[in-house]
Amino acid sequence: MTSLSANVTGTTVTLKWTNPSNAQGDSIYKDGGWIAGPGAGVNPPAPVVRTLTDVNVVAGSHTYAWLHTTDLDRVRKLP
């Protein structure tokens, strides 16, 4: 994922990004918990998304993470 941008308006966070050309689906996590998808690991993969709007976000610092099916494929190939 590249070109990540974030916009915060009140308690709404809007994230936009560019997926790798070989991405087949996304699963998105916030603070270690799943919040959107399914995409990665689903057969067949869900459509690739490029934006997420998270509403009613509690004030404070949060970490968002993405998992693409291409990431899972790479993990499976590790010895």
N, C-alpha and C. Protein backbone atom coordinates (compact mmCIF):
# COMPACT_ATOMS: atom_id res chain seq x y z
N MET A 1 0.84 -1.15 0.00
CA MET A 1 0.00 0.00 0.00
C MET A 1 0.90 1.23 0.00
N THR A 2 0.49 2.21 -0.81
CA THR A 2 1.26 3.45 -0.89
C THR A 2 0.31 4.63 -0.91
N SER A 3 0.87 5.79 -0.87
CA SER A 3 0.10 7.04 -0.98
C SER A 3 -1.04 7.13 0.02
N LEU A 4 -0.76 6.78 1.27
CA LEU A 4 -1.78 6.84 2.31
C LEU A 4 -2.04 8.29 2.71
N SER A 5 -3.31 8.65 2.78
CA SER A 5 -3.68 9.97 3.30
C SER A 5 -4.79 9.78 4.32
N ALA A 6 -4.83 10.67 5.30
CA ALA A 6 -5.83 10.60 6.35
C ALA A 6 -6.44 11.98 6.54
N ASN A 7 -7.75 12.00 6.78
CA ASN A 7 -8.46 13.23 7.06
C ASN A 7 -9.35 12.99 8.28
N VAL A 8 -9.21 13.85 9.27
CA VAL A 8 -10.02 13.74 10.49
C VAL A 8 -10.96 14.92 10.56
N THR A 9 -12.25 14.63 10.68
CA THR A 9 -13.27 15.66 10.85
C THR A 9 -14.13 15.25 12.04
N GLY A 10 -13.96 15.94 13.15
CA GLY A 10 -14.70 15.56 14.36
C GLY A 10 -14.29 14.17 14.80
N THR A 11 -15.24 13.24 14.83
CA THR A 11 -14.95 11.86 15.24
C THR A 11 -14.93 10.91 14.04
N THR A 12 -14.76 11.46 12.83
CA THR A 12 -14.71 10.64 11.61
C THR A 12 -13.31 10.70 11.02
N VAL A 13 -12.76 9.53 10.74
CA VAL A 13 -11.44 9.41 10.10
C VAL A 13 -11.66 8.79 8.73
N THR A 14 -11.18 9.48 7.69
CA THR A 14 -11.26 8.95 6.33
C THR A 14 -9.85 8.69 5.84
N LEU A 15 -9.60 7.44 5.46
CA LEU A 15 -8.29 7.02 4.96
C LEU A 15 -8.41 6.66 3.48
N LYS A 16 -7.43 7.08 2.69
CA LYS A 16 -7.38 6.72 1.27
C LYS A 16 -5.98 6.24 0.96
N TRP A 17 -5.86 5.26 0.04
CA TRP A 17 -4.57 4.69 -0.28
C TRP A 17 -4.59 4.09 -1.67
N THR A 18 -3.40 3.68 -2.13
CA THR A 18 -3.23 2.98 -3.40
C THR A 18 -2.76 1.57 -3.09
N ASN A 19 -3.45 0.58 -3.64
CA ASN A 19 -3.08 -0.82 -3.43
C ASN A 19 -2.03 -1.25 -4.44
N PRO A 20 -1.27 -2.32 -4.12
CA PRO A 20 -0.36 -2.88 -5.11
C PRO A 20 -1.17 -3.40 -6.31
N SER A 21 -0.55 -3.45 -7.47
CA SER A 21 -1.26 -3.87 -8.67
C SER A 21 -1.75 -5.32 -8.59
N ASN A 22 -1.11 -6.14 -7.76
CA ASN A 22 -1.51 -7.54 -7.66
C ASN A 22 -2.39 -7.82 -6.43
N ALA A 23 -2.88 -6.79 -5.76
CA ALA A 23 -3.77 -7.00 -4.60
C ALA A 23 -5.08 -7.59 -5.08
N GLN A 24 -5.59 -8.56 -4.33
CA GLN A 24 -6.83 -9.23 -4.70
C GLN A 24 -7.93 -9.02 -3.67
N GLY A 25 -7.63 -8.40 -2.56
CA GLY A 25 -8.61 -8.15 -1.51
C GLY A 25 -7.93 -7.59 -0.29
N ASP A 26 -8.68 -6.89 0.52
CA ASP A 26 -8.12 -6.25 1.71
C ASP A 26 -8.89 -6.68 2.96
N SER A 27 -8.17 -6.79 4.05
CA SER A 27 -8.76 -6.83 5.38
C SER A 27 -8.09 -5.70 6.14
N ILE A 28 -8.88 -4.91 6.86
CA ILE A 28 -8.36 -3.73 7.53
C ILE A 28 -8.58 -3.86 9.03
N TYR A 29 -7.56 -3.48 9.78
CA TYR A 29 -7.56 -3.61 11.24
C TYR A 29 -7.31 -2.25 11.88
N LYS A 30 -7.91 -2.04 13.04
CA LYS A 30 -7.64 -0.83 13.83
C LYS A 30 -7.29 -1.26 15.23
N ASP A 31 -6.16 -0.79 15.72
CA ASP A 31 -5.70 -1.12 17.08
C ASP A 31 -5.68 -2.62 17.32
N GLY A 32 -5.31 -3.39 16.28
CA GLY A 32 -5.17 -4.83 16.41
C GLY A 32 -6.43 -5.63 16.18
N GLY A 33 -7.58 -4.98 16.00
CA GLY A 33 -8.83 -5.70 15.78
C GLY A 33 -9.38 -5.47 14.38
N TRP A 34 -9.99 -6.48 13.80
CA TRP A 34 -10.54 -6.39 12.45
C TRP A 34 -11.68 -5.38 12.43
N ILE A 35 -11.68 -4.49 11.40
CA ILE A 35 -12.79 -3.54 11.27
C ILE A 35 -13.43 -3.54 9.89
N ALA A 36 -12.76 -4.05 8.88
CA ALA A 36 -13.33 -4.04 7.53
C ALA A 36 -12.75 -5.16 6.70
N GLY A 37 -13.47 -5.55 5.71
CA GLY A 37 -13.13 -6.63 4.83
C GLY A 37 -14.42 -7.40 4.60
N PRO A 38 -14.49 -8.65 4.45
CA PRO A 38 -13.29 -9.47 4.35
C PRO A 38 -12.67 -9.30 2.99
N GLY A 39 -11.43 -9.59 2.93
CA GLY A 39 -10.73 -9.52 1.66
C GLY A 39 -9.62 -10.53 1.67
N ALA A 40 -8.60 -10.26 2.43
CA ALA A 40 -7.46 -11.16 2.51
C ALA A 40 -7.87 -12.48 3.13
N GLY A 41 -7.50 -13.56 2.50
CA GLY A 41 -7.78 -14.88 3.03
C GLY A 41 -9.16 -15.42 2.70
N VAL A 42 -9.97 -14.66 1.96
CA VAL A 42 -11.31 -15.10 1.60
C VAL A 42 -11.25 -15.65 0.17
N ASN A 43 -11.93 -16.75 -0.06
CA ASN A 43 -11.91 -17.36 -1.38
C ASN A 43 -13.32 -17.37 -1.96
N PRO A 44 -13.61 -16.65 -3.04
CA PRO A 44 -12.71 -15.75 -3.73
C PRO A 44 -12.55 -14.45 -2.96
N PRO A 45 -11.44 -13.73 -3.19
CA PRO A 45 -11.22 -12.49 -2.45
C PRO A 45 -12.28 -11.45 -2.76
N ALA A 46 -12.56 -10.63 -1.77
CA ALA A 46 -13.50 -9.53 -1.94
C ALA A 46 -12.86 -8.46 -2.81
N PRO A 47 -13.65 -7.57 -3.37
CA PRO A 47 -13.06 -6.49 -4.16
C PRO A 47 -12.04 -5.69 -3.35
N VAL A 48 -11.04 -5.22 -4.04
CA VAL A 48 -10.02 -4.38 -3.42
C VAL A 48 -10.62 -3.01 -3.15
N VAL A 49 -10.43 -2.51 -1.95
CA VAL A 49 -10.94 -1.18 -1.59
C VAL A 49 -9.79 -0.19 -1.54
N ARG A 50 -10.13 1.09 -1.69
CA ARG A 50 -9.12 2.14 -1.70
C ARG A 50 -9.43 3.26 -0.73
N THR A 51 -10.50 3.10 0.03
CA THR A 51 -10.86 4.13 1.01
C THR A 51 -11.62 3.50 2.16
N LEU A 52 -11.51 4.10 3.32
CA LEU A 52 -12.22 3.64 4.51
C LEU A 52 -12.65 4.85 5.30
N THR A 53 -13.91 4.87 5.71
CA THR A 53 -14.40 5.91 6.60
C THR A 53 -14.75 5.25 7.92
N ASP A 54 -14.05 5.66 8.98
CA ASP A 54 -14.24 5.12 10.33
C ASP A 54 -14.97 6.20 11.13
N VAL A 55 -16.18 5.89 11.59
CA VAL A 55 -17.00 6.89 12.28
C VAL A 55 -17.02 6.63 13.79
N ASN A 56 -17.36 7.68 14.52
CA ASN A 56 -17.44 7.62 15.99
C ASN A 56 -16.13 7.14 16.61
N VAL A 57 -15.02 7.63 16.09
CA VAL A 57 -13.70 7.26 16.60
C VAL A 57 -13.45 7.98 17.92
N VAL A 58 -13.07 7.23 18.92
CA VAL A 58 -12.77 7.78 20.24
C VAL A 58 -11.47 8.59 20.14
N ALA A 59 -11.45 9.74 20.79
CA ALA A 59 -10.25 10.60 20.77
C ALA A 59 -9.03 9.83 21.26
N GLY A 60 -7.89 10.11 20.65
CA GLY A 60 -6.64 9.47 21.03
C GLY A 60 -5.92 8.95 19.81
N SER A 61 -4.83 8.25 20.05
CA SER A 61 -4.01 7.70 18.98
C SER A 61 -4.51 6.32 18.59
N HIS A 62 -4.57 6.04 17.29
CA HIS A 62 -5.02 4.74 16.79
C HIS A 62 -4.07 4.26 15.70
N THR A 63 -3.96 2.95 15.57
CA THR A 63 -3.12 2.34 14.54
C THR A 63 -4.00 1.54 13.60
N TYR A 64 -3.88 1.84 12.30
CA TYR A 64 -4.60 1.10 11.26
C TYR A 64 -3.61 0.23 10.51
N ALA A 65 -4.05 -0.96 10.12
CA ALA A 65 -3.19 -1.88 9.37
C ALA A 65 -3.99 -2.54 8.26
N TRP A 66 -3.30 -2.87 7.16
CA TRP A 66 -3.92 -3.51 6.00
C TRP A 66 -3.27 -4.85 5.76
N LEU A 67 -4.08 -5.81 5.36
CA LEU A 67 -3.57 -7.11 4.95
C LEU A 67 -4.17 -7.41 3.58
N HIS A 68 -3.32 -7.59 2.58
CA HIS A 68 -3.76 -7.92 1.23
C HIS A 68 -3.55 -9.40 1.00
N THR A 69 -4.30 -9.99 0.07
CA THR A 69 -4.10 -11.41 -0.22
C THR A 69 -2.67 -11.66 -0.68
N THR A 70 -2.04 -10.69 -1.34
CA THR A 70 -0.66 -10.87 -1.75
C THR A 70 0.24 -11.03 -0.52
N ASP A 71 -0.10 -10.35 0.60
CA ASP A 71 0.66 -10.50 1.84
C ASP A 71 0.52 -11.92 2.37
N LEU A 72 -0.70 -12.47 2.36
CA LEU A 72 -0.90 -13.83 2.84
C LEU A 72 -0.13 -14.82 1.98
N ASP A 73 -0.14 -14.63 0.66
CA ASP A 73 0.60 -15.52 -0.22
C ASP A 73 2.07 -15.53 0.13
N ARG A 74 2.62 -14.36 0.42
CA ARG A 74 4.03 -14.25 0.77
C ARG A 74 4.31 -14.97 2.09
N VAL A 75 3.44 -14.80 3.08
CA VAL A 75 3.63 -15.45 4.38
C VAL A 75 3.61 -16.97 4.23
N ARG A 76 2.70 -17.49 3.42
CA ARG A 76 2.60 -18.93 3.24
C ARG A 76 3.87 -19.52 2.62
N LYS A 77 4.63 -18.72 1.88
CA LYS A 77 5.82 -19.23 1.20
C LYS A 77 7.05 -19.23 2.09
N LEU A 78 6.96 -18.67 3.29
CA LEU A 78 8.10 -18.65 4.19
C LEU A 78 8.37 -20.07 4.70
N PRO A 79 9.68 -20.42 4.85
CA PRO A 79 9.99 -21.77 5.35
C PRO A 79 9.59 -21.95 6.79
